[in-house]
């Protein structure tokens, strides 16, 4: 498993986790959660249908959605290290 696959795995796992954290902390309203869920499902299901390399865009799109969710839920960026 290479680093692009690990990055995509992290993005896929972080996405529902951030939605759940946003719901528990009440930082995201159900309207925002539904909007992000629709965008995430559209990326996850729809992008691989665009040949020849649409499937390669799922990880980056979910990563961008994760970044937006982190900024919305935590109200700041998270320091690593």
PDB file of N, CA and C in Angstrom:
ATOM      1  N   UNK A   1       0.854  -1.166   0.000  1.00  0.00           N
ATOM      2  CA  UNK A   1       0.000   0.000   0.000  1.00  0.00           C
ATOM      3  C   UNK A   1       0.905   1.236   0.000  1.00  0.00           C
ATOM      4  N   UNK A   2       0.739   2.062  -1.011  1.00  0.00           N
ATOM      5  CA  UNK A   2       1.557   3.255  -1.133  1.00  0.00           C
ATOM      6  C   UNK A   2       0.961   4.439  -0.394  1.00  0.00           C
ATOM      7  N   UNK A   3       1.696   5.543  -0.416  1.00  0.00           N
ATOM      8  CA  UNK A   3       1.245   6.720   0.319  1.00  0.00           C
ATOM      9  C   UNK A   3      -0.046   7.336  -0.237  1.00  0.00           C
ATOM     10  N   UNK A   4      -0.328   7.290  -1.554  1.00  0.00           N
ATOM     11  CA  UNK A   4      -1.635   7.808  -1.990  1.00  0.00           C
ATOM     12  C   UNK A   4      -2.803   7.002  -1.426  1.00  0.00           C
ATOM     13  N   UNK A   5      -2.642   5.700  -1.332  1.00  0.00           N
ATOM     14  CA  UNK A   5      -3.713   4.876  -0.780  1.00  0.00           C
ATOM     15  C   UNK A   5      -3.886   5.123   0.718  1.00  0.00           C
ATOM     16  N   UNK A   6      -2.792   5.342   1.423  1.00  0.00           N
ATOM     17  CA  UNK A   6      -2.879   5.638   2.855  1.00  0.00           C
ATOM     18  C   UNK A   6      -3.544   6.996   3.064  1.00  0.00           C
ATOM     19  N   UNK A   7      -3.202   7.971   2.236  1.00  0.00           N
ATOM     20  CA  UNK A   7      -3.844   9.279   2.327  1.00  0.00           C
ATOM     21  C   UNK A   7      -5.333   9.204   2.048  1.00  0.00           C
ATOM     22  N   UNK A   8      -5.715   8.405   1.054  1.00  0.00           N
ATOM     23  CA  UNK A   8      -7.131   8.239   0.757  1.00  0.00           C
ATOM     24  C   UNK A   8      -7.840   7.518   1.898  1.00  0.00           C
ATOM     25  N   UNK A   9      -7.206   6.532   2.497  1.00  0.00           N
ATOM     26  CA  UNK A   9      -7.796   5.827   3.627  1.00  0.00           C
ATOM     27  C   UNK A   9      -8.014   6.775   4.805  1.00  0.00           C
ATOM     28  N   UNK A  10      -7.043   7.632   5.074  1.00  0.00           N
ATOM     29  CA  UNK A  10      -7.190   8.606   6.153  1.00  0.00           C
ATOM     30  C   UNK A  10      -8.338   9.559   5.860  1.00  0.00           C
ATOM     31  N   UNK A  11      -8.446  10.026   4.613  1.00  0.00           N
ATOM     32  CA  UNK A  11      -9.533  10.943   4.245  1.00  0.00           C
ATOM     33  C   UNK A  11     -10.885  10.275   4.373  1.00  0.00           C
ATOM     34  N   UNK A  12     -10.984   9.009   3.983  1.00  0.00           N
ATOM     35  CA  UNK A  12     -12.259   8.286   4.045  1.00  0.00           C
ATOM     36  C   UNK A  12     -12.662   8.029   5.500  1.00  0.00           C
ATOM     37  N   UNK A  13     -11.706   7.716   6.365  1.00  0.00           N
ATOM     38  CA  UNK A  13     -12.016   7.462   7.775  1.00  0.00           C
ATOM     39  C   UNK A  13     -12.300   8.773   8.514  1.00  0.00           C
ATOM     40  N   UNK A  14     -11.575   9.832   8.186  1.00  0.00           N
ATOM     41  CA  UNK A  14     -11.736  11.107   8.888  1.00  0.00           C
ATOM     42  C   UNK A  14     -13.063  11.779   8.555  1.00  0.00           C
ATOM     43  N   UNK A  15     -13.585  11.556   7.373  1.00  0.00           N
ATOM     44  CA  UNK A  15     -14.797  12.255   6.953  1.00  0.00           C
ATOM     45  C   UNK A  15     -15.997  11.960   7.850  1.00  0.00           C
ATOM     46  N   UNK A  16     -16.408  10.697   8.017  1.00  0.00           N
ATOM     47  CA  UNK A  16     -17.543  10.458   8.915  1.00  0.00           C
ATOM     48  C   UNK A  16     -17.217  10.763  10.376  1.00  0.00           C
ATOM     49  N   UNK A  17     -15.949  10.615  10.756  1.00  0.00           N
ATOM     50  CA  UNK A  17     -15.547  10.942  12.120  1.00  0.00           C
ATOM     51  C   UNK A  17     -15.752  12.422  12.407  1.00  0.00           C
ATOM     52  N   UNK A  18     -15.364  13.276  11.466  1.00  0.00           N
ATOM     53  CA  UNK A  18     -15.546  14.713  11.647  1.00  0.00           C
ATOM     54  C   UNK A  18     -17.021  15.104  11.623  1.00  0.00           C
ATOM     55  N   UNK A  19     -17.809  14.436  10.790  1.00  0.00           N
ATOM     56  CA  UNK A  19     -19.248  14.700  10.801  1.00  0.00           C
ATOM     57  C   UNK A  19     -19.848  14.332  12.155  1.00  0.00           C
ATOM     58  N   UNK A  20     -19.442  13.208  12.709  1.00  0.00           N
ATOM     59  CA  UNK A  20     -19.944  12.776  14.009  1.00  0.00           C
ATOM     60  C   UNK A  20     -19.492  13.727  15.115  1.00  0.00           C
ATOM     61  N   UNK A  21     -18.229  14.145  15.091  1.00  0.00           N
ATOM     62  CA  UNK A  21     -17.736  15.099  16.083  1.00  0.00           C
ATOM     63  C   UNK A  21     -18.465  16.430  15.987  1.00  0.00           C
ATOM     64  N   UNK A  22     -18.751  16.865  14.773  1.00  0.00           N
ATOM     65  CA  UNK A  22     -19.497  18.101  14.590  1.00  0.00           C
ATOM     66  C   UNK A  22     -20.905  18.004  15.126  1.00  0.00           C
ATOM     67  N   UNK A  23     -21.512  16.838  14.983  1.00  0.00           N
ATOM     68  CA  UNK A  23     -22.866  16.635  15.509  1.00  0.00           C
ATOM     69  C   UNK A  23     -22.852  16.575  17.042  1.00  0.00           C
ATOM     70  N   UNK A  24     -21.896  15.843  17.598  1.00  0.00           N
ATOM     71  CA  UNK A  24     -21.822  15.700  19.056  1.00  0.00           C
ATOM     72  C   UNK A  24     -21.515  17.036  19.721  1.00  0.00           C
ATOM     73  N   UNK A  25     -20.594  17.797  19.158  1.00  0.00           N
ATOM     74  CA  UNK A  25     -20.221  19.084  19.749  1.00  0.00           C
ATOM     75  C   UNK A  25     -21.207  20.200  19.395  1.00  0.00           C
ATOM     76  N   UNK A  26     -22.188  19.897  18.570  1.00  0.00           N
ATOM     77  CA  UNK A  26     -23.204  20.845  18.122  1.00  0.00           C
ATOM     78  C   UNK A  26     -22.616  22.033  17.355  1.00  0.00           C
ATOM     79  N   UNK A  27     -21.483  21.825  16.725  1.00  0.00           N
ATOM     80  CA  UNK A  27     -20.892  22.853  15.870  1.00  0.00           C
ATOM     81  C   UNK A  27     -21.490  22.820  14.470  1.00  0.00           C
ATOM     82  N   UNK A  28     -22.016  21.674  14.068  1.00  0.00           N
ATOM     83  CA  UNK A  28     -22.646  21.531  12.758  1.00  0.00           C
ATOM     84  C   UNK A  28     -24.132  21.267  12.948  1.00  0.00           C
ATOM     85  N   UNK A  29     -24.934  22.010  12.237  1.00  0.00           N
ATOM     86  CA  UNK A  29     -26.377  21.771  12.272  1.00  0.00           C
ATOM     87  C   UNK A  29     -26.696  20.586  11.356  1.00  0.00           C
ATOM     88  N   UNK A  30     -27.848  19.986  11.521  1.00  0.00           N
ATOM     89  CA  UNK A  30     -28.214  18.871  10.632  1.00  0.00           C
ATOM     90  C   UNK A  30     -28.215  19.271   9.154  1.00  0.00           C
ATOM     91  N   UNK A  31     -28.493  20.532   8.852  1.00  0.00           N
ATOM     92  CA  UNK A  31     -28.454  21.000   7.462  1.00  0.00           C
ATOM     93  C   UNK A  31     -27.029  20.922   6.905  1.00  0.00           C
ATOM     94  N   UNK A  32     -26.043  21.336   7.697  1.00  0.00           N
ATOM     95  CA  UNK A  32     -24.650  21.261   7.249  1.00  0.00           C
ATOM     96  C   UNK A  32     -24.185  19.813   7.135  1.00  0.00           C
ATOM     97  N   UNK A  33     -24.602  18.989   8.077  1.00  0.00           N
ATOM     98  CA  UNK A  33     -24.213  17.582   8.030  1.00  0.00           C
ATOM     99  C   UNK A  33     -24.774  16.923   6.772  1.00  0.00           C
ATOM    100  N   UNK A  34     -26.024  17.226   6.450  1.00  0.00           N
ATOM    101  CA  UNK A  34     -26.626  16.668   5.234  1.00  0.00           C
ATOM    102  C   UNK A  34     -25.908  17.169   3.987  1.00  0.00           C
ATOM    103  N   UNK A  35     -25.550  18.441   3.966  1.00  0.00           N
ATOM    104  CA  UNK A  35     -24.849  18.995   2.799  1.00  0.00           C
ATOM    105  C   UNK A  35     -23.491  18.326   2.604  1.00  0.00           C
ATOM    106  N   UNK A  36     -22.734  18.171   3.694  1.00  0.00           N
ATOM    107  CA  UNK A  36     -21.427  17.520   3.575  1.00  0.00           C
ATOM    108  C   UNK A  36     -21.571  16.040   3.237  1.00  0.00           C
ATOM    109  N   UNK A  37     -22.590  15.388   3.779  1.00  0.00           N
ATOM    110  CA  UNK A  37     -22.806  13.978   3.459  1.00  0.00           C
ATOM    111  C   UNK A  37     -23.130  13.798   1.981  1.00  0.00           C
ATOM    112  N   UNK A  38     -23.942  14.683   1.434  1.00  0.00           N
ATOM    113  CA  UNK A  38     -24.263  14.609   0.006  1.00  0.00           C
ATOM    114  C   UNK A  38     -23.022  14.849  -0.842  1.00  0.00           C
ATOM    115  N   UNK A  39     -22.214  15.848  -0.463  1.00  0.00           N
ATOM    116  CA  UNK A  39     -20.981  16.115  -1.211  1.00  0.00           C
ATOM    117  C   UNK A  39     -20.014  14.930  -1.120  1.00  0.00           C
ATOM    118  N   UNK A  40     -19.888  14.348   0.069  1.00  0.00           N
ATOM    119  CA  UNK A  40     -18.997  13.202   0.244  1.00  0.00           C
ATOM    120  C   UNK A  40     -19.450  11.993  -0.552  1.00  0.00           C
ATOM    121  N   UNK A  41     -20.746  11.719  -0.514  1.00  0.00           N
ATOM    122  CA  UNK A  41     -21.259  10.586  -1.292  1.00  0.00           C
ATOM    123  C   UNK A  41     -21.137  10.835  -2.790  1.00  0.00           C
ATOM    124  N   UNK A  42     -21.363  12.075  -3.203  1.00  0.00           N
ATOM    125  CA  UNK A  42     -21.210  12.393  -4.627  1.00  0.00           C
ATOM    126  C   UNK A  42     -19.769  12.173  -5.076  1.00  0.00           C
ATOM    127  N   UNK A  43     -18.813  12.547  -4.237  1.00  0.00           N
ATOM    128  CA  UNK A  43     -17.406  12.329  -4.589  1.00  0.00           C
ATOM    129  C   UNK A  43     -17.068  10.847  -4.579  1.00  0.00           C
ATOM    130  N   UNK A  44     -17.546  10.140  -3.562  1.00  0.00           N
ATOM    131  CA  UNK A  44     -17.185   8.746  -3.395  1.00  0.00           C
ATOM    132  C   UNK A  44     -17.835   7.851  -4.445  1.00  0.00           C
ATOM    133  N   UNK A  45     -19.077   8.145  -4.805  1.00  0.00           N
ATOM    134  CA  UNK A  45     -19.792   7.307  -5.766  1.00  0.00           C
ATOM    135  C   UNK A  45     -19.664   7.839  -7.189  1.00  0.00           C
ATOM    136  N   UNK A  46     -19.712   9.150  -7.353  1.00  0.00           N
ATOM    137  CA  UNK A  46     -19.758   9.730  -8.691  1.00  0.00           C
ATOM    138  C   UNK A  46     -18.427   9.855  -9.401  1.00  0.00           C
ATOM    139  N   UNK A  47     -17.373  10.237  -8.673  1.00  0.00           N
ATOM    140  CA  UNK A  47     -16.094  10.482  -9.343  1.00  0.00           C
ATOM    141  C   UNK A  47     -15.486   9.251 -10.009  1.00  0.00           C
ATOM    142  N   UNK A  48     -15.570   8.060  -9.417  1.00  0.00           N
ATOM    143  CA  UNK A  48     -14.982   6.902 -10.114  1.00  0.00           C
ATOM    144  C   UNK A  48     -15.672   6.567 -11.437  1.00  0.00           C
ATOM    145  N   UNK A  49     -16.833   7.130 -11.691  1.00  0.00           N
ATOM    146  CA  UNK A  49     -17.535   6.852 -12.945  1.00  0.00           C
ATOM    147  C   UNK A  49     -17.021   7.684 -14.119  1.00  0.00           C
ATOM    148  N   UNK A  50     -16.160   8.673 -13.849  1.00  0.00           N
ATOM    149  CA  UNK A  50     -15.593   9.494 -14.918  1.00  0.00           C
ATOM    150  C   UNK A  50     -14.275   8.890 -15.370  1.00  0.00           C
ATOM    151  N   UNK A  51     -14.249   8.308 -16.561  1.00  0.00           N
ATOM    152  CA  UNK A  51     -12.995   7.727 -17.048  1.00  0.00           C
ATOM    153  C   UNK A  51     -12.077   8.820 -17.555  1.00  0.00           C
ATOM    154  N   UNK A  52     -10.818   8.654 -17.676  1.00  0.00           N
ATOM    155  CA  UNK A  52     -10.056   7.482 -17.273  1.00  0.00           C
ATOM    156  C   UNK A  52      -9.533   7.571 -15.847  1.00  0.00           C
ATOM    157  N   UNK A  53      -9.514   8.754 -15.232  1.00  0.00           N
ATOM    158  CA  UNK A  53      -8.863   8.848 -13.914  1.00  0.00           C
ATOM    159  C   UNK A  53      -9.721   9.534 -12.868  1.00  0.00           C
ATOM    160  N   UNK A  54     -11.026   9.412 -12.960  1.00  0.00           N
ATOM    161  CA  UNK A  54     -11.891  10.046 -11.981  1.00  0.00           C
ATOM    162  C   UNK A  54     -11.762   9.442 -10.596  1.00  0.00           C
ATOM    163  N   UNK A  55     -11.445   8.148 -10.535  1.00  0.00           N
ATOM    164  CA  UNK A  55     -11.291   7.486  -9.245  1.00  0.00           C
ATOM    165  C   UNK A  55     -10.130   8.012  -8.429  1.00  0.00           C
ATOM    166  N   UNK A  56      -9.149   8.574  -9.111  1.00  0.00           N
ATOM    167  CA  UNK A  56      -7.992   9.123  -8.409  1.00  0.00           C
ATOM    168  C   UNK A  56      -8.325  10.429  -7.693  1.00  0.00           C
ATOM    169  N   UNK A  57      -9.450  11.029  -7.990  1.00  0.00           N
ATOM    170  CA  UNK A  57      -9.816  12.301  -7.391  1.00  0.00           C
ATOM    171  C   UNK A  57     -10.628  12.156  -6.108  1.00  0.00           C
ATOM    172  N   UNK A  58     -11.026  10.951  -5.756  1.00  0.00           N
ATOM    173  CA  UNK A  58     -11.852  10.751  -4.561  1.00  0.00           C
ATOM    174  C   UNK A  58     -11.088  11.167  -3.310  1.00  0.00           C
ATOM    175  N   UNK A  59      -9.866  10.717  -3.164  1.00  0.00           N
ATOM    176  CA  UNK A  59      -9.062  11.056  -1.982  1.00  0.00           C
ATOM    177  C   UNK A  59      -8.832  12.547  -1.822  1.00  0.00           C
ATOM    178  N   UNK A  60      -8.378  13.244  -2.866  1.00  0.00           N
ATOM    179  CA  UNK A  60      -8.187  14.688  -2.724  1.00  0.00           C
ATOM    180  C   UNK A  60      -9.470  15.458  -2.443  1.00  0.00           C
ATOM    181  N   UNK A  61     -10.585  15.062  -3.061  1.00  0.00           N
ATOM    182  CA  UNK A  61     -11.842  15.773  -2.815  1.00  0.00           C
ATOM    183  C   UNK A  61     -12.294  15.551  -1.372  1.00  0.00           C
ATOM    184  N   UNK A  62     -12.217  14.320  -0.890  1.00  0.00           N
ATOM    185  CA  UNK A  62     -12.575  14.065   0.507  1.00  0.00           C
ATOM    186  C   UNK A  62     -11.597  14.753   1.454  1.00  0.00           C
ATOM    187  N   UNK A  63     -10.343  14.854   1.060  1.00  0.00           N
ATOM    188  CA  UNK A  63      -9.365  15.573   1.872  1.00  0.00           C
ATOM    189  C   UNK A  63      -9.701  17.051   1.996  1.00  0.00           C
ATOM    190  N   UNK A  64     -10.135  17.658   0.901  1.00  0.00           N
ATOM    191  CA  UNK A  64     -10.540  19.065   0.947  1.00  0.00           C
ATOM    192  C   UNK A  64     -11.773  19.227   1.825  1.00  0.00           C
ATOM    193  N   UNK A  65     -12.741  18.318   1.698  1.00  0.00           N
ATOM    194  CA  UNK A  65     -13.915  18.374   2.564  1.00  0.00           C
ATOM    195  C   UNK A  65     -13.531  18.176   4.031  1.00  0.00           C
ATOM    196  N   UNK A  66     -12.548  17.325   4.300  1.00  0.00           N
ATOM    197  CA  UNK A  66     -12.060  17.139   5.662  1.00  0.00           C
ATOM    198  C   UNK A  66     -11.448  18.421   6.218  1.00  0.00           C
ATOM    199  N   UNK A  67     -10.685  19.124   5.400  1.00  0.00           N
ATOM    200  CA  UNK A  67     -10.071  20.373   5.842  1.00  0.00           C
ATOM    201  C   UNK A  67     -11.144  21.393   6.203  1.00  0.00           C
ATOM    202  N   UNK A  68     -12.164  21.504   5.368  1.00  0.00           N
ATOM    203  CA  UNK A  68     -13.266  22.435   5.657  1.00  0.00           C
ATOM    204  C   UNK A  68     -13.984  22.025   6.934  1.00  0.00           C
ATOM    205  N   UNK A  69     -14.211  20.733   7.117  1.00  0.00           N
ATOM    206  CA  UNK A  69     -14.874  20.261   8.331  1.00  0.00           C
ATOM    207  C   UNK A  69     -14.042  20.530   9.579  1.00  0.00           C
ATOM    208  N   UNK A  70     -12.736  20.350   9.499  1.00  0.00           N
ATOM    209  CA  UNK A  70     -11.865  20.647  10.640  1.00  0.00           C
ATOM    210  C   UNK A  70     -11.974  22.114  11.007  1.00  0.00           C
ATOM    211  N   UNK A  71     -11.946  22.987  10.012  1.00  0.00           N
ATOM    212  CA  UNK A  71     -12.051  24.414  10.289  1.00  0.00           C
ATOM    213  C   UNK A  71     -13.417  24.783  10.860  1.00  0.00           C
ATOM    214  N   UNK A  72     -14.468  24.116  10.431  1.00  0.00           N
ATOM    215  CA  UNK A  72     -15.803  24.415  10.942  1.00  0.00           C
ATOM    216  C   UNK A  72     -16.028  23.827  12.339  1.00  0.00           C
ATOM    217  N   UNK A  73     -15.558  22.613  12.579  1.00  0.00           N
ATOM    218  CA  UNK A  73     -15.821  21.947  13.850  1.00  0.00           C
ATOM    219  C   UNK A  73     -14.927  22.490  14.962  1.00  0.00           C
ATOM    220  N   UNK A  74     -13.641  22.633  14.686  1.00  0.00           N
ATOM    221  CA  UNK A  74     -12.699  23.051  15.721  1.00  0.00           C
ATOM    222  C   UNK A  74     -12.454  24.552  15.739  1.00  0.00           C
ATOM    223  N   UNK A  75     -12.981  25.279  14.760  1.00  0.00           N
ATOM    224  CA  UNK A  75     -12.844  26.732  14.653  1.00  0.00           C
ATOM    225  C   UNK A  75     -11.404  27.207  14.508  1.00  0.00           C
ATOM    226  N   UNK A  76     -10.531  26.280  14.160  1.00  0.00           N
ATOM    227  CA  UNK A  76      -9.123  26.598  13.930  1.00  0.00           C
ATOM    228  C   UNK A  76      -8.454  25.417  13.258  1.00  0.00           C
ATOM    229  N   UNK A  77      -7.219  25.602  12.904  1.00  0.00           N
ATOM    230  CA  UNK A  77      -6.452  24.512  12.328  1.00  0.00           C
ATOM    231  C   UNK A  77      -5.880  23.666  13.468  1.00  0.00           C
ATOM    232  N   UNK A  78      -5.624  22.406  13.197  1.00  0.00           N
ATOM    233  CA  UNK A  78      -5.064  21.513  14.211  1.00  0.00           C
ATOM    234  C   UNK A  78      -3.578  21.385  13.969  1.00  0.00           C
ATOM    235  N   UNK A  79      -2.809  21.603  15.017  1.00  0.00           N
ATOM    236  CA  UNK A  79      -1.353  21.462  14.910  1.00  0.00           C
ATOM    237  C   UNK A  79      -0.970  19.996  15.016  1.00  0.00           C
ATOM    238  N   UNK A  80      -0.084  19.572  14.149  1.00  0.00           N
ATOM    239  CA  UNK A  80       0.431  18.208  14.196  1.00  0.00           C
ATOM    240  C   UNK A  80       1.882  18.269  14.624  1.00  0.00           C
ATOM    241  N   UNK A  81       2.204  17.605  15.698  1.00  0.00           N
ATOM    242  CA  UNK A  81       3.574  17.544  16.169  1.00  0.00           C
ATOM    243  C   UNK A  81       3.942  18.564  17.196  1.00  0.00           C
TER     244      UNK A  81
END
